[in-house]
């Protein structure tokens, strides 16, 4: 895997990111006992990022070893795309994995991961019900890691009272 493809979107944000919502979605499978290669061969798609239990952590290999194997597939879209667009972008490359998800067996746990940073805590989060049905049919957990920028809260509350800054 190339370094460009093997990176999940970074959790840190640069200056341009501070001015808009950022989010992404990825499909991952983890196992405490099975190697990454098993998930890759069973699912039939190479992950965007992955490692096996026991692999060294960090580029300098001084952060110990991974305690679990992970296979992760990203949507490939920019962080400013909607969650719905990320899901559509994820299901296209993940489509070949669908018939093989059940073949992974009980040693693998599947998760559909949502990661988002919102400027306003009132930003609506909506996705079509079919995505929830898909996850339920394939035994995938849903995991939501959202944060809301508290630096903007005072501004929006003041704006509602009619004395916003700006």
Foldseek 3Di string as FASTA:
>chain_A
DDPVQQDDPDPDDDPVCLVFKFKWKKKKKKFQPDAPVLLCVLQVHQASHWGAAQPQDDPVSPPGTHRMIMGMHTLPDGRRDAHQSRVVSHCVRSVSRLVRLPVSDDRMAMEIEMEMEGQDPPDDHDYDCVVVVSCVVSVYHYYYHYYYDPVCPVQVVCVVVPRHDD
